[in-house]
Amino acid sequence: DAHVLDLFAGSGALGLESMSRGAA
């Protein structure tokens, strides 16, 4: 349920990995 900010996202892999694992 985390609200995630991915700065210098590039492909977005870090933010999208977070969503896959339960981020809000």
PDBML (XML) file of the C-alpha atoms, coordinates in Angstrom:
<?xml version="1.0" encoding="UTF-8" ?>
<PDBx:datablock datablockName="MODEL"
   xmlns:PDBx="http://pdbml.pdb.org/schema/pdbx-v50.xsd"
   xmlns:xsi="http://www.w3.org/2001/XMLSchema-instance"
   xsi:schemaLocation="http://pdbml.pdb.org/schema/pdbx-v50.xsd pdbx-v50.xsd">
   <PDBx:atom_siteCategory>
      <PDBx:atom_site id="1">
         <PDBx:B_iso_or_equiv>0.00</PDBx:B_iso_or_equiv>
         <PDBx:Cartn_x>0.000</PDBx:Cartn_x>
         <PDBx:Cartn_y>0.000</PDBx:Cartn_y>
         <PDBx:Cartn_z>0.000</PDBx:Cartn_z>
         <PDBx:auth_asym_id>A</PDBx:auth_asym_id>
         <PDBx:auth_atom_id>CA</PDBx:auth_atom_id>
         <PDBx:auth_comp_id>ASP</PDBx:auth_comp_id>
         <PDBx:auth_seq_id>1</PDBx:auth_seq_id>
         <PDBx:group_PDB>ATOM</PDBx:group_PDB>
         <PDBx:label_alt_id xsi:nil="true" />
         <PDBx:label_asym_id>A</PDBx:label_asym_id>
         <PDBx:label_atom_id>CA</PDBx:label_atom_id>
         <PDBx:label_comp_id>ASP</PDBx:label_comp_id>
         <PDBx:label_entity_id>1</PDBx:label_entity_id>
         <PDBx:label_seq_id>1</PDBx:label_seq_id>
         <PDBx:occupancy>1.00</PDBx:occupancy>
         <PDBx:pdbx_PDB_model_num>1</PDBx:pdbx_PDB_model_num>
         <PDBx:type_symbol>C</PDBx:type_symbol>
      </PDBx:atom_site>
      <PDBx:atom_site id="2">
         <PDBx:B_iso_or_equiv>0.00</PDBx:B_iso_or_equiv>
         <PDBx:Cartn_x>2.966</PDBx:Cartn_x>
         <PDBx:Cartn_y>2.358</PDBx:Cartn_y>
         <PDBx:Cartn_z>-0.409</PDBx:Cartn_z>
         <PDBx:auth_asym_id>A</PDBx:auth_asym_id>
         <PDBx:auth_atom_id>CA</PDBx:auth_atom_id>
         <PDBx:auth_comp_id>ALA</PDBx:auth_comp_id>
         <PDBx:auth_seq_id>2</PDBx:auth_seq_id>
         <PDBx:group_PDB>ATOM</PDBx:group_PDB>
         <PDBx:label_alt_id xsi:nil="true" />
         <PDBx:label_asym_id>A</PDBx:label_asym_id>
         <PDBx:label_atom_id>CA</PDBx:label_atom_id>
         <PDBx:label_comp_id>ALA</PDBx:label_comp_id>
         <PDBx:label_entity_id>1</PDBx:label_entity_id>
         <PDBx:label_seq_id>2</PDBx:label_seq_id>
         <PDBx:occupancy>1.00</PDBx:occupancy>
         <PDBx:pdbx_PDB_model_num>1</PDBx:pdbx_PDB_model_num>
         <PDBx:type_symbol>C</PDBx:type_symbol>
      </PDBx:atom_site>
      <PDBx:atom_site id="3">
         <PDBx:B_iso_or_equiv>0.00</PDBx:B_iso_or_equiv>
         <PDBx:Cartn_x>2.828</PDBx:Cartn_x>
         <PDBx:Cartn_y>5.556</PDBx:Cartn_y>
         <PDBx:Cartn_z>-2.436</PDBx:Cartn_z>
         <PDBx:auth_asym_id>A</PDBx:auth_asym_id>
         <PDBx:auth_atom_id>CA</PDBx:auth_atom_id>
         <PDBx:auth_comp_id>HIS</PDBx:auth_comp_id>
         <PDBx:auth_seq_id>3</PDBx:auth_seq_id>
         <PDBx:group_PDB>ATOM</PDBx:group_PDB>
         <PDBx:label_alt_id xsi:nil="true" />
         <PDBx:label_asym_id>A</PDBx:label_asym_id>
         <PDBx:label_atom_id>CA</PDBx:label_atom_id>
         <PDBx:label_comp_id>HIS</PDBx:label_comp_id>
         <PDBx:label_entity_id>1</PDBx:label_entity_id>
         <PDBx:label_seq_id>3</PDBx:label_seq_id>
         <PDBx:occupancy>1.00</PDBx:occupancy>
         <PDBx:pdbx_PDB_model_num>1</PDBx:pdbx_PDB_model_num>
         <PDBx:type_symbol>C</PDBx:type_symbol>
      </PDBx:atom_site>
      <PDBx:atom_site id="4">
         <PDBx:B_iso_or_equiv>0.00</PDBx:B_iso_or_equiv>
         <PDBx:Cartn_x>6.007</PDBx:Cartn_x>
         <PDBx:Cartn_y>5.425</PDBx:Cartn_y>
         <PDBx:Cartn_z>-4.509</PDBx:Cartn_z>
         <PDBx:auth_asym_id>A</PDBx:auth_asym_id>
         <PDBx:auth_atom_id>CA</PDBx:auth_atom_id>
         <PDBx:auth_comp_id>VAL</PDBx:auth_comp_id>
         <PDBx:auth_seq_id>4</PDBx:auth_seq_id>
         <PDBx:group_PDB>ATOM</PDBx:group_PDB>
         <PDBx:label_alt_id xsi:nil="true" />
         <PDBx:label_asym_id>A</PDBx:label_asym_id>
         <PDBx:label_atom_id>CA</PDBx:label_atom_id>
         <PDBx:label_comp_id>VAL</PDBx:label_comp_id>
         <PDBx:label_entity_id>1</PDBx:label_entity_id>
         <PDBx:label_seq_id>4</PDBx:label_seq_id>
         <PDBx:occupancy>1.00</PDBx:occupancy>
         <PDBx:pdbx_PDB_model_num>1</PDBx:pdbx_PDB_model_num>
         <PDBx:type_symbol>C</PDBx:type_symbol>
      </PDBx:atom_site>
      <PDBx:atom_site id="5">
         <PDBx:B_iso_or_equiv>0.00</PDBx:B_iso_or_equiv>
         <PDBx:Cartn_x>8.041</PDBx:Cartn_x>
         <PDBx:Cartn_y>8.123</PDBx:Cartn_y>
         <PDBx:Cartn_z>-6.258</PDBx:Cartn_z>
         <PDBx:auth_asym_id>A</PDBx:auth_asym_id>
         <PDBx:auth_atom_id>CA</PDBx:auth_atom_id>
         <PDBx:auth_comp_id>LEU</PDBx:auth_comp_id>
         <PDBx:auth_seq_id>5</PDBx:auth_seq_id>
         <PDBx:group_PDB>ATOM</PDBx:group_PDB>
         <PDBx:label_alt_id xsi:nil="true" />
         <PDBx:label_asym_id>A</PDBx:label_asym_id>
         <PDBx:label_atom_id>CA</PDBx:label_atom_id>
         <PDBx:label_comp_id>LEU</PDBx:label_comp_id>
         <PDBx:label_entity_id>1</PDBx:label_entity_id>
         <PDBx:label_seq_id>5</PDBx:label_seq_id>
         <PDBx:occupancy>1.00</PDBx:occupancy>
         <PDBx:pdbx_PDB_model_num>1</PDBx:pdbx_PDB_model_num>
         <PDBx:type_symbol>C</PDBx:type_symbol>
      </PDBx:atom_site>
      <PDBx:atom_site id="6">
         <PDBx:B_iso_or_equiv>0.00</PDBx:B_iso_or_equiv>
         <PDBx:Cartn_x>10.530</PDBx:Cartn_x>
         <PDBx:Cartn_y>6.910</PDBx:Cartn_y>
         <PDBx:Cartn_z>-8.887</PDBx:Cartn_z>
         <PDBx:auth_asym_id>A</PDBx:auth_asym_id>
         <PDBx:auth_atom_id>CA</PDBx:auth_atom_id>
         <PDBx:auth_comp_id>ASP</PDBx:auth_comp_id>
         <PDBx:auth_seq_id>6</PDBx:auth_seq_id>
         <PDBx:group_PDB>ATOM</PDBx:group_PDB>
         <PDBx:label_alt_id xsi:nil="true" />
         <PDBx:label_asym_id>A</PDBx:label_asym_id>
         <PDBx:label_atom_id>CA</PDBx:label_atom_id>
         <PDBx:label_comp_id>ASP</PDBx:label_comp_id>
         <PDBx:label_entity_id>1</PDBx:label_entity_id>
         <PDBx:label_seq_id>6</PDBx:label_seq_id>
         <PDBx:occupancy>1.00</PDBx:occupancy>
         <PDBx:pdbx_PDB_model_num>1</PDBx:pdbx_PDB_model_num>
         <PDBx:type_symbol>C</PDBx:type_symbol>
      </PDBx:atom_site>
      <PDBx:atom_site id="7">
         <PDBx:B_iso_or_equiv>0.00</PDBx:B_iso_or_equiv>
         <PDBx:Cartn_x>12.885</PDBx:Cartn_x>
         <PDBx:Cartn_y>9.768</PDBx:Cartn_y>
         <PDBx:Cartn_z>-9.838</PDBx:Cartn_z>
         <PDBx:auth_asym_id>A</PDBx:auth_asym_id>
         <PDBx:auth_atom_id>CA</PDBx:auth_atom_id>
         <PDBx:auth_comp_id>LEU</PDBx:auth_comp_id>
         <PDBx:auth_seq_id>7</PDBx:auth_seq_id>
         <PDBx:group_PDB>ATOM</PDBx:group_PDB>
         <PDBx:label_alt_id xsi:nil="true" />
         <PDBx:label_asym_id>A</PDBx:label_asym_id>
         <PDBx:label_atom_id>CA</PDBx:label_atom_id>
         <PDBx:label_comp_id>LEU</PDBx:label_comp_id>
         <PDBx:label_entity_id>1</PDBx:label_entity_id>
         <PDBx:label_seq_id>7</PDBx:label_seq_id>
         <PDBx:occupancy>1.00</PDBx:occupancy>
         <PDBx:pdbx_PDB_model_num>1</PDBx:pdbx_PDB_model_num>
         <PDBx:type_symbol>C</PDBx:type_symbol>
      </PDBx:atom_site>
      <PDBx:atom_site id="8">
         <PDBx:B_iso_or_equiv>0.00</PDBx:B_iso_or_equiv>
         <PDBx:Cartn_x>15.101</PDBx:Cartn_x>
         <PDBx:Cartn_y>9.453</PDBx:Cartn_y>
         <PDBx:Cartn_z>-12.951</PDBx:Cartn_z>
         <PDBx:auth_asym_id>A</PDBx:auth_asym_id>
         <PDBx:auth_atom_id>CA</PDBx:auth_atom_id>
         <PDBx:auth_comp_id>PHE</PDBx:auth_comp_id>
         <PDBx:auth_seq_id>8</PDBx:auth_seq_id>
         <PDBx:group_PDB>ATOM</PDBx:group_PDB>
         <PDBx:label_alt_id xsi:nil="true" />
         <PDBx:label_asym_id>A</PDBx:label_asym_id>
         <PDBx:label_atom_id>CA</PDBx:label_atom_id>
         <PDBx:label_comp_id>PHE</PDBx:label_comp_id>
         <PDBx:label_entity_id>1</PDBx:label_entity_id>
         <PDBx:label_seq_id>8</PDBx:label_seq_id>
         <PDBx:occupancy>1.00</PDBx:occupancy>
         <PDBx:pdbx_PDB_model_num>1</PDBx:pdbx_PDB_model_num>
         <PDBx:type_symbol>C</PDBx:type_symbol>
      </PDBx:atom_site>
      <PDBx:atom_site id="9">
         <PDBx:B_iso_or_equiv>0.00</PDBx:B_iso_or_equiv>
         <PDBx:Cartn_x>12.743</PDBx:Cartn_x>
         <PDBx:Cartn_y>6.615</PDBx:Cartn_y>
         <PDBx:Cartn_z>-13.807</PDBx:Cartn_z>
         <PDBx:auth_asym_id>A</PDBx:auth_asym_id>
         <PDBx:auth_atom_id>CA</PDBx:auth_atom_id>
         <PDBx:auth_comp_id>ALA</PDBx:auth_comp_id>
         <PDBx:auth_seq_id>9</PDBx:auth_seq_id>
         <PDBx:group_PDB>ATOM</PDBx:group_PDB>
         <PDBx:label_alt_id xsi:nil="true" />
         <PDBx:label_asym_id>A</PDBx:label_asym_id>
         <PDBx:label_atom_id>CA</PDBx:label_atom_id>
         <PDBx:label_comp_id>ALA</PDBx:label_comp_id>
         <PDBx:label_entity_id>1</PDBx:label_entity_id>
         <PDBx:label_seq_id>9</PDBx:label_seq_id>
         <PDBx:occupancy>1.00</PDBx:occupancy>
         <PDBx:pdbx_PDB_model_num>1</PDBx:pdbx_PDB_model_num>
         <PDBx:type_symbol>C</PDBx:type_symbol>
      </PDBx:atom_site>
      <PDBx:atom_site id="10">
         <PDBx:B_iso_or_equiv>0.00</PDBx:B_iso_or_equiv>
         <PDBx:Cartn_x>14.282</PDBx:Cartn_x>
         <PDBx:Cartn_y>5.483</PDBx:Cartn_y>
         <PDBx:Cartn_z>-17.124</PDBx:Cartn_z>
         <PDBx:auth_asym_id>A</PDBx:auth_asym_id>
         <PDBx:auth_atom_id>CA</PDBx:auth_atom_id>
         <PDBx:auth_comp_id>GLY</PDBx:auth_comp_id>
         <PDBx:auth_seq_id>10</PDBx:auth_seq_id>
         <PDBx:group_PDB>ATOM</PDBx:group_PDB>
         <PDBx:label_alt_id xsi:nil="true" />
         <PDBx:label_asym_id>A</PDBx:label_asym_id>
         <PDBx:label_atom_id>CA</PDBx:label_atom_id>
         <PDBx:label_comp_id>GLY</PDBx:label_comp_id>
         <PDBx:label_entity_id>1</PDBx:label_entity_id>
         <PDBx:label_seq_id>10</PDBx:label_seq_id>
         <PDBx:occupancy>1.00</PDBx:occupancy>
         <PDBx:pdbx_PDB_model_num>1</PDBx:pdbx_PDB_model_num>
         <PDBx:type_symbol>C</PDBx:type_symbol>
      </PDBx:atom_site>
      <PDBx:atom_site id="11">
         <PDBx:B_iso_or_equiv>0.00</PDBx:B_iso_or_equiv>
         <PDBx:Cartn_x>12.167</PDBx:Cartn_x>
         <PDBx:Cartn_y>2.438</PDBx:Cartn_y>
         <PDBx:Cartn_z>-17.990</PDBx:Cartn_z>
         <PDBx:auth_asym_id>A</PDBx:auth_asym_id>
         <PDBx:auth_atom_id>CA</PDBx:auth_atom_id>
         <PDBx:auth_comp_id>SER</PDBx:auth_comp_id>
         <PDBx:auth_seq_id>11</PDBx:auth_seq_id>
         <PDBx:group_PDB>ATOM</PDBx:group_PDB>
         <PDBx:label_alt_id xsi:nil="true" />
         <PDBx:label_asym_id>A</PDBx:label_asym_id>
         <PDBx:label_atom_id>CA</PDBx:label_atom_id>
         <PDBx:label_comp_id>SER</PDBx:label_comp_id>
         <PDBx:label_entity_id>1</PDBx:label_entity_id>
         <PDBx:label_seq_id>11</PDBx:label_seq_id>
         <PDBx:occupancy>1.00</PDBx:occupancy>
         <PDBx:pdbx_PDB_model_num>1</PDBx:pdbx_PDB_model_num>
         <PDBx:type_symbol>C</PDBx:type_symbol>
      </PDBx:atom_site>
      <PDBx:atom_site id="12">
         <PDBx:B_iso_or_equiv>0.00</PDBx:B_iso_or_equiv>
         <PDBx:Cartn_x>10.111</PDBx:Cartn_x>
         <PDBx:Cartn_y>2.826</PDBx:Cartn_y>
         <PDBx:Cartn_z>-14.806</PDBx:Cartn_z>
         <PDBx:auth_asym_id>A</PDBx:auth_asym_id>
         <PDBx:auth_atom_id>CA</PDBx:auth_atom_id>
         <PDBx:auth_comp_id>GLY</PDBx:auth_comp_id>
         <PDBx:auth_seq_id>12</PDBx:auth_seq_id>
         <PDBx:group_PDB>ATOM</PDBx:group_PDB>
         <PDBx:label_alt_id xsi:nil="true" />
         <PDBx:label_asym_id>A</PDBx:label_asym_id>
         <PDBx:label_atom_id>CA</PDBx:label_atom_id>
         <PDBx:label_comp_id>GLY</PDBx:label_comp_id>
         <PDBx:label_entity_id>1</PDBx:label_entity_id>
         <PDBx:label_seq_id>12</PDBx:label_seq_id>
         <PDBx:occupancy>1.00</PDBx:occupancy>
         <PDBx:pdbx_PDB_model_num>1</PDBx:pdbx_PDB_model_num>
         <PDBx:type_symbol>C</PDBx:type_symbol>
      </PDBx:atom_site>
      <PDBx:atom_site id="13">
         <PDBx:B_iso_or_equiv>0.00</PDBx:B_iso_or_equiv>
         <PDBx:Cartn_x>11.275</PDBx:Cartn_x>
         <PDBx:Cartn_y>-0.587</PDBx:Cartn_y>
         <PDBx:Cartn_z>-13.581</PDBx:Cartn_z>
         <PDBx:auth_asym_id>A</PDBx:auth_asym_id>
         <PDBx:auth_atom_id>CA</PDBx:auth_atom_id>
         <PDBx:auth_comp_id>ALA</PDBx:auth_comp_id>
         <PDBx:auth_seq_id>13</PDBx:auth_seq_id>
         <PDBx:group_PDB>ATOM</PDBx:group_PDB>
         <PDBx:label_alt_id xsi:nil="true" />
         <PDBx:label_asym_id>A</PDBx:label_asym_id>
         <PDBx:label_atom_id>CA</PDBx:label_atom_id>
         <PDBx:label_comp_id>ALA</PDBx:label_comp_id>
         <PDBx:label_entity_id>1</PDBx:label_entity_id>
         <PDBx:label_seq_id>13</PDBx:label_seq_id>
         <PDBx:occupancy>1.00</PDBx:occupancy>
         <PDBx:pdbx_PDB_model_num>1</PDBx:pdbx_PDB_model_num>
         <PDBx:type_symbol>C</PDBx:type_symbol>
      </PDBx:atom_site>
      <PDBx:atom_site id="14">
         <PDBx:B_iso_or_equiv>0.00</PDBx:B_iso_or_equiv>
         <PDBx:Cartn_x>11.651</PDBx:Cartn_x>
         <PDBx:Cartn_y>0.393</PDBx:Cartn_y>
         <PDBx:Cartn_z>-9.914</PDBx:Cartn_z>
         <PDBx:auth_asym_id>A</PDBx:auth_asym_id>
         <PDBx:auth_atom_id>CA</PDBx:auth_atom_id>
         <PDBx:auth_comp_id>LEU</PDBx:auth_comp_id>
         <PDBx:auth_seq_id>14</PDBx:auth_seq_id>
         <PDBx:group_PDB>ATOM</PDBx:group_PDB>
         <PDBx:label_alt_id xsi:nil="true" />
         <PDBx:label_asym_id>A</PDBx:label_asym_id>
         <PDBx:label_atom_id>CA</PDBx:label_atom_id>
         <PDBx:label_comp_id>LEU</PDBx:label_comp_id>
         <PDBx:label_entity_id>1</PDBx:label_entity_id>
         <PDBx:label_seq_id>14</PDBx:label_seq_id>
         <PDBx:occupancy>1.00</PDBx:occupancy>
         <PDBx:pdbx_PDB_model_num>1</PDBx:pdbx_PDB_model_num>
         <PDBx:type_symbol>C</PDBx:type_symbol>
      </PDBx:atom_site>
      <PDBx:atom_site id="15">
         <PDBx:B_iso_or_equiv>0.00</PDBx:B_iso_or_equiv>
         <PDBx:Cartn_x>8.240</PDBx:Cartn_x>
         <PDBx:Cartn_y>2.015</PDBx:Cartn_y>
         <PDBx:Cartn_z>-9.588</PDBx:Cartn_z>
         <PDBx:auth_asym_id>A</PDBx:auth_asym_id>
         <PDBx:auth_atom_id>CA</PDBx:auth_atom_id>
         <PDBx:auth_comp_id>GLY</PDBx:auth_comp_id>
         <PDBx:auth_seq_id>15</PDBx:auth_seq_id>
         <PDBx:group_PDB>ATOM</PDBx:group_PDB>
         <PDBx:label_alt_id xsi:nil="true" />
         <PDBx:label_asym_id>A</PDBx:label_asym_id>
         <PDBx:label_atom_id>CA</PDBx:label_atom_id>
         <PDBx:label_comp_id>GLY</PDBx:label_comp_id>
         <PDBx:label_entity_id>1</PDBx:label_entity_id>
         <PDBx:label_seq_id>15</PDBx:label_seq_id>
         <PDBx:occupancy>1.00</PDBx:occupancy>
         <PDBx:pdbx_PDB_model_num>1</PDBx:pdbx_PDB_model_num>
         <PDBx:type_symbol>C</PDBx:type_symbol>
      </PDBx:atom_site>
      <PDBx:atom_site id="16">
         <PDBx:B_iso_or_equiv>0.00</PDBx:B_iso_or_equiv>
         <PDBx:Cartn_x>6.544</PDBx:Cartn_x>
         <PDBx:Cartn_y>-0.722</PDBx:Cartn_y>
         <PDBx:Cartn_z>-11.607</PDBx:Cartn_z>
         <PDBx:auth_asym_id>A</PDBx:auth_asym_id>
         <PDBx:auth_atom_id>CA</PDBx:auth_atom_id>
         <PDBx:auth_comp_id>LEU</PDBx:auth_comp_id>
         <PDBx:auth_seq_id>16</PDBx:auth_seq_id>
         <PDBx:group_PDB>ATOM</PDBx:group_PDB>
         <PDBx:label_alt_id xsi:nil="true" />
         <PDBx:label_asym_id>A</PDBx:label_asym_id>
         <PDBx:label_atom_id>CA</PDBx:label_atom_id>
         <PDBx:label_comp_id>LEU</PDBx:label_comp_id>
         <PDBx:label_entity_id>1</PDBx:label_entity_id>
         <PDBx:label_seq_id>16</PDBx:label_seq_id>
         <PDBx:occupancy>1.00</PDBx:occupancy>
         <PDBx:pdbx_PDB_model_num>1</PDBx:pdbx_PDB_model_num>
         <PDBx:type_symbol>C</PDBx:type_symbol>
      </PDBx:atom_site>
      <PDBx:atom_site id="17">
         <PDBx:B_iso_or_equiv>0.00</PDBx:B_iso_or_equiv>
         <PDBx:Cartn_x>8.248</PDBx:Cartn_x>
         <PDBx:Cartn_y>-3.474</PDBx:Cartn_y>
         <PDBx:Cartn_z>-9.599</PDBx:Cartn_z>
         <PDBx:auth_asym_id>A</PDBx:auth_asym_id>
         <PDBx:auth_atom_id>CA</PDBx:auth_atom_id>
         <PDBx:auth_comp_id>GLU</PDBx:auth_comp_id>
         <PDBx:auth_seq_id>17</PDBx:auth_seq_id>
         <PDBx:group_PDB>ATOM</PDBx:group_PDB>
         <PDBx:label_alt_id xsi:nil="true" />
         <PDBx:label_asym_id>A</PDBx:label_asym_id>
         <PDBx:label_atom_id>CA</PDBx:label_atom_id>
         <PDBx:label_comp_id>GLU</PDBx:label_comp_id>
         <PDBx:label_entity_id>1</PDBx:label_entity_id>
         <PDBx:label_seq_id>17</PDBx:label_seq_id>
         <PDBx:occupancy>1.00</PDBx:occupancy>
         <PDBx:pdbx_PDB_model_num>1</PDBx:pdbx_PDB_model_num>
         <PDBx:type_symbol>C</PDBx:type_symbol>
      </PDBx:atom_site>
      <PDBx:atom_site id="18">
         <PDBx:B_iso_or_equiv>0.00</PDBx:B_iso_or_equiv>
         <PDBx:Cartn_x>6.817</PDBx:Cartn_x>
         <PDBx:Cartn_y>-1.785</PDBx:Cartn_y>
         <PDBx:Cartn_z>-6.493</PDBx:Cartn_z>
         <PDBx:auth_asym_id>A</PDBx:auth_asym_id>
         <PDBx:auth_atom_id>CA</PDBx:auth_atom_id>
         <PDBx:auth_comp_id>SER</PDBx:auth_comp_id>
         <PDBx:auth_seq_id>18</PDBx:auth_seq_id>
         <PDBx:group_PDB>ATOM</PDBx:group_PDB>
         <PDBx:label_alt_id xsi:nil="true" />
         <PDBx:label_asym_id>A</PDBx:label_asym_id>
         <PDBx:label_atom_id>CA</PDBx:label_atom_id>
         <PDBx:label_comp_id>SER</PDBx:label_comp_id>
         <PDBx:label_entity_id>1</PDBx:label_entity_id>
         <PDBx:label_seq_id>18</PDBx:label_seq_id>
         <PDBx:occupancy>1.00</PDBx:occupancy>
         <PDBx:pdbx_PDB_model_num>1</PDBx:pdbx_PDB_model_num>
         <PDBx:type_symbol>C</PDBx:type_symbol>
      </PDBx:atom_site>
      <PDBx:atom_site id="19">
         <PDBx:B_iso_or_equiv>0.00</PDBx:B_iso_or_equiv>
         <PDBx:Cartn_x>3.323</PDBx:Cartn_x>
         <PDBx:Cartn_y>-1.896</PDBx:Cartn_y>
         <PDBx:Cartn_z>-8.006</PDBx:Cartn_z>
         <PDBx:auth_asym_id>A</PDBx:auth_asym_id>
         <PDBx:auth_atom_id>CA</PDBx:auth_atom_id>
         <PDBx:auth_comp_id>MET</PDBx:auth_comp_id>
         <PDBx:auth_seq_id>19</PDBx:auth_seq_id>
         <PDBx:group_PDB>ATOM</PDBx:group_PDB>
         <PDBx:label_alt_id xsi:nil="true" />
         <PDBx:label_asym_id>A</PDBx:label_asym_id>
         <PDBx:label_atom_id>CA</PDBx:label_atom_id>
         <PDBx:label_comp_id>MET</PDBx:label_comp_id>
         <PDBx:label_entity_id>1</PDBx:label_entity_id>
         <PDBx:label_seq_id>19</PDBx:label_seq_id>
         <PDBx:occupancy>1.00</PDBx:occupancy>
         <PDBx:pdbx_PDB_model_num>1</PDBx:pdbx_PDB_model_num>
         <PDBx:type_symbol>C</PDBx:type_symbol>
      </PDBx:atom_site>
      <PDBx:atom_site id="20">
         <PDBx:B_iso_or_equiv>0.00</PDBx:B_iso_or_equiv>
         <PDBx:Cartn_x>3.691</PDBx:Cartn_x>
         <PDBx:Cartn_y>-5.587</PDBx:Cartn_y>
         <PDBx:Cartn_z>-8.849</PDBx:Cartn_z>
         <PDBx:auth_asym_id>A</PDBx:auth_asym_id>
         <PDBx:auth_atom_id>CA</PDBx:auth_atom_id>
         <PDBx:auth_comp_id>SER</PDBx:auth_comp_id>
         <PDBx:auth_seq_id>20</PDBx:auth_seq_id>
         <PDBx:group_PDB>ATOM</PDBx:group_PDB>
         <PDBx:label_alt_id xsi:nil="true" />
         <PDBx:label_asym_id>A</PDBx:label_asym_id>
         <PDBx:label_atom_id>CA</PDBx:label_atom_id>
         <PDBx:label_comp_id>SER</PDBx:label_comp_id>
         <PDBx:label_entity_id>1</PDBx:label_entity_id>
         <PDBx:label_seq_id>20</PDBx:label_seq_id>
         <PDBx:occupancy>1.00</PDBx:occupancy>
         <PDBx:pdbx_PDB_model_num>1</PDBx:pdbx_PDB_model_num>
         <PDBx:type_symbol>C</PDBx:type_symbol>
      </PDBx:atom_site>
      <PDBx:atom_site id="21">
         <PDBx:B_iso_or_equiv>0.00</PDBx:B_iso_or_equiv>
         <PDBx:Cartn_x>4.556</PDBx:Cartn_x>
         <PDBx:Cartn_y>-6.247</PDBx:Cartn_y>
         <PDBx:Cartn_z>-5.207</PDBx:Cartn_z>
         <PDBx:auth_asym_id>A</PDBx:auth_asym_id>
         <PDBx:auth_atom_id>CA</PDBx:auth_atom_id>
         <PDBx:auth_comp_id>ARG</PDBx:auth_comp_id>
         <PDBx:auth_seq_id>21</PDBx:auth_seq_id>
         <PDBx:group_PDB>ATOM</PDBx:group_PDB>
         <PDBx:label_alt_id xsi:nil="true" />
         <PDBx:label_asym_id>A</PDBx:label_asym_id>
         <PDBx:label_atom_id>CA</PDBx:label_atom_id>
         <PDBx:label_comp_id>ARG</PDBx:label_comp_id>
         <PDBx:label_entity_id>1</PDBx:label_entity_id>
         <PDBx:label_seq_id>21</PDBx:label_seq_id>
         <PDBx:occupancy>1.00</PDBx:occupancy>
         <PDBx:pdbx_PDB_model_num>1</PDBx:pdbx_PDB_model_num>
         <PDBx:type_symbol>C</PDBx:type_symbol>
      </PDBx:atom_site>
      <PDBx:atom_site id="22">
         <PDBx:B_iso_or_equiv>0.00</PDBx:B_iso_or_equiv>
         <PDBx:Cartn_x>1.658</PDBx:Cartn_x>
         <PDBx:Cartn_y>-4.417</PDBx:Cartn_y>
         <PDBx:Cartn_z>-3.616</PDBx:Cartn_z>
         <PDBx:auth_asym_id>A</PDBx:auth_asym_id>
         <PDBx:auth_atom_id>CA</PDBx:auth_atom_id>
         <PDBx:auth_comp_id>GLY</PDBx:auth_comp_id>
         <PDBx:auth_seq_id>22</PDBx:auth_seq_id>
         <PDBx:group_PDB>ATOM</PDBx:group_PDB>
         <PDBx:label_alt_id xsi:nil="true" />
         <PDBx:label_asym_id>A</PDBx:label_asym_id>
         <PDBx:label_atom_id>CA</PDBx:label_atom_id>
         <PDBx:label_comp_id>GLY</PDBx:label_comp_id>
         <PDBx:label_entity_id>1</PDBx:label_entity_id>
         <PDBx:label_seq_id>22</PDBx:label_seq_id>
         <PDBx:occupancy>1.00</PDBx:occupancy>
         <PDBx:pdbx_PDB_model_num>1</PDBx:pdbx_PDB_model_num>
         <PDBx:type_symbol>C</PDBx:type_symbol>
      </PDBx:atom_site>
      <PDBx:atom_site id="23">
         <PDBx:B_iso_or_equiv>0.00</PDBx:B_iso_or_equiv>
         <PDBx:Cartn_x>2.269</PDBx:Cartn_x>
         <PDBx:Cartn_y>-0.667</PDBx:Cartn_y>
         <PDBx:Cartn_z>-3.728</PDBx:Cartn_z>
         <PDBx:auth_asym_id>A</PDBx:auth_asym_id>
         <PDBx:auth_atom_id>CA</PDBx:auth_atom_id>
         <PDBx:auth_comp_id>ALA</PDBx:auth_comp_id>
         <PDBx:auth_seq_id>23</PDBx:auth_seq_id>
         <PDBx:group_PDB>ATOM</PDBx:group_PDB>
         <PDBx:label_alt_id xsi:nil="true" />
         <PDBx:label_asym_id>A</PDBx:label_asym_id>
         <PDBx:label_atom_id>CA</PDBx:label_atom_id>
         <PDBx:label_comp_id>ALA</PDBx:label_comp_id>
         <PDBx:label_entity_id>1</PDBx:label_entity_id>
         <PDBx:label_seq_id>23</PDBx:label_seq_id>
         <PDBx:occupancy>1.00</PDBx:occupancy>
         <PDBx:pdbx_PDB_model_num>1</PDBx:pdbx_PDB_model_num>
         <PDBx:type_symbol>C</PDBx:type_symbol>
      </PDBx:atom_site>
      <PDBx:atom_site id="24">
         <PDBx:B_iso_or_equiv>0.00</PDBx:B_iso_or_equiv>
         <PDBx:Cartn_x>-0.842</PDBx:Cartn_x>
         <PDBx:Cartn_y>1.516</PDBx:Cartn_y>
         <PDBx:Cartn_z>-3.939</PDBx:Cartn_z>
         <PDBx:auth_asym_id>A</PDBx:auth_asym_id>
         <PDBx:auth_atom_id>CA</PDBx:auth_atom_id>
         <PDBx:auth_comp_id>ALA</PDBx:auth_comp_id>
         <PDBx:auth_seq_id>24</PDBx:auth_seq_id>
         <PDBx:group_PDB>ATOM</PDBx:group_PDB>
         <PDBx:label_alt_id xsi:nil="true" />
         <PDBx:label_asym_id>A</PDBx:label_asym_id>
         <PDBx:label_atom_id>CA</PDBx:label_atom_id>
         <PDBx:label_comp_id>ALA</PDBx:label_comp_id>
         <PDBx:label_entity_id>1</PDBx:label_entity_id>
         <PDBx:label_seq_id>24</PDBx:label_seq_id>
         <PDBx:occupancy>1.00</PDBx:occupancy>
         <PDBx:pdbx_PDB_model_num>1</PDBx:pdbx_PDB_model_num>
         <PDBx:type_symbol>C</PDBx:type_symbol>
      </PDBx:atom_site>
   </PDBx:atom_siteCategory>
</PDBx:datablock>
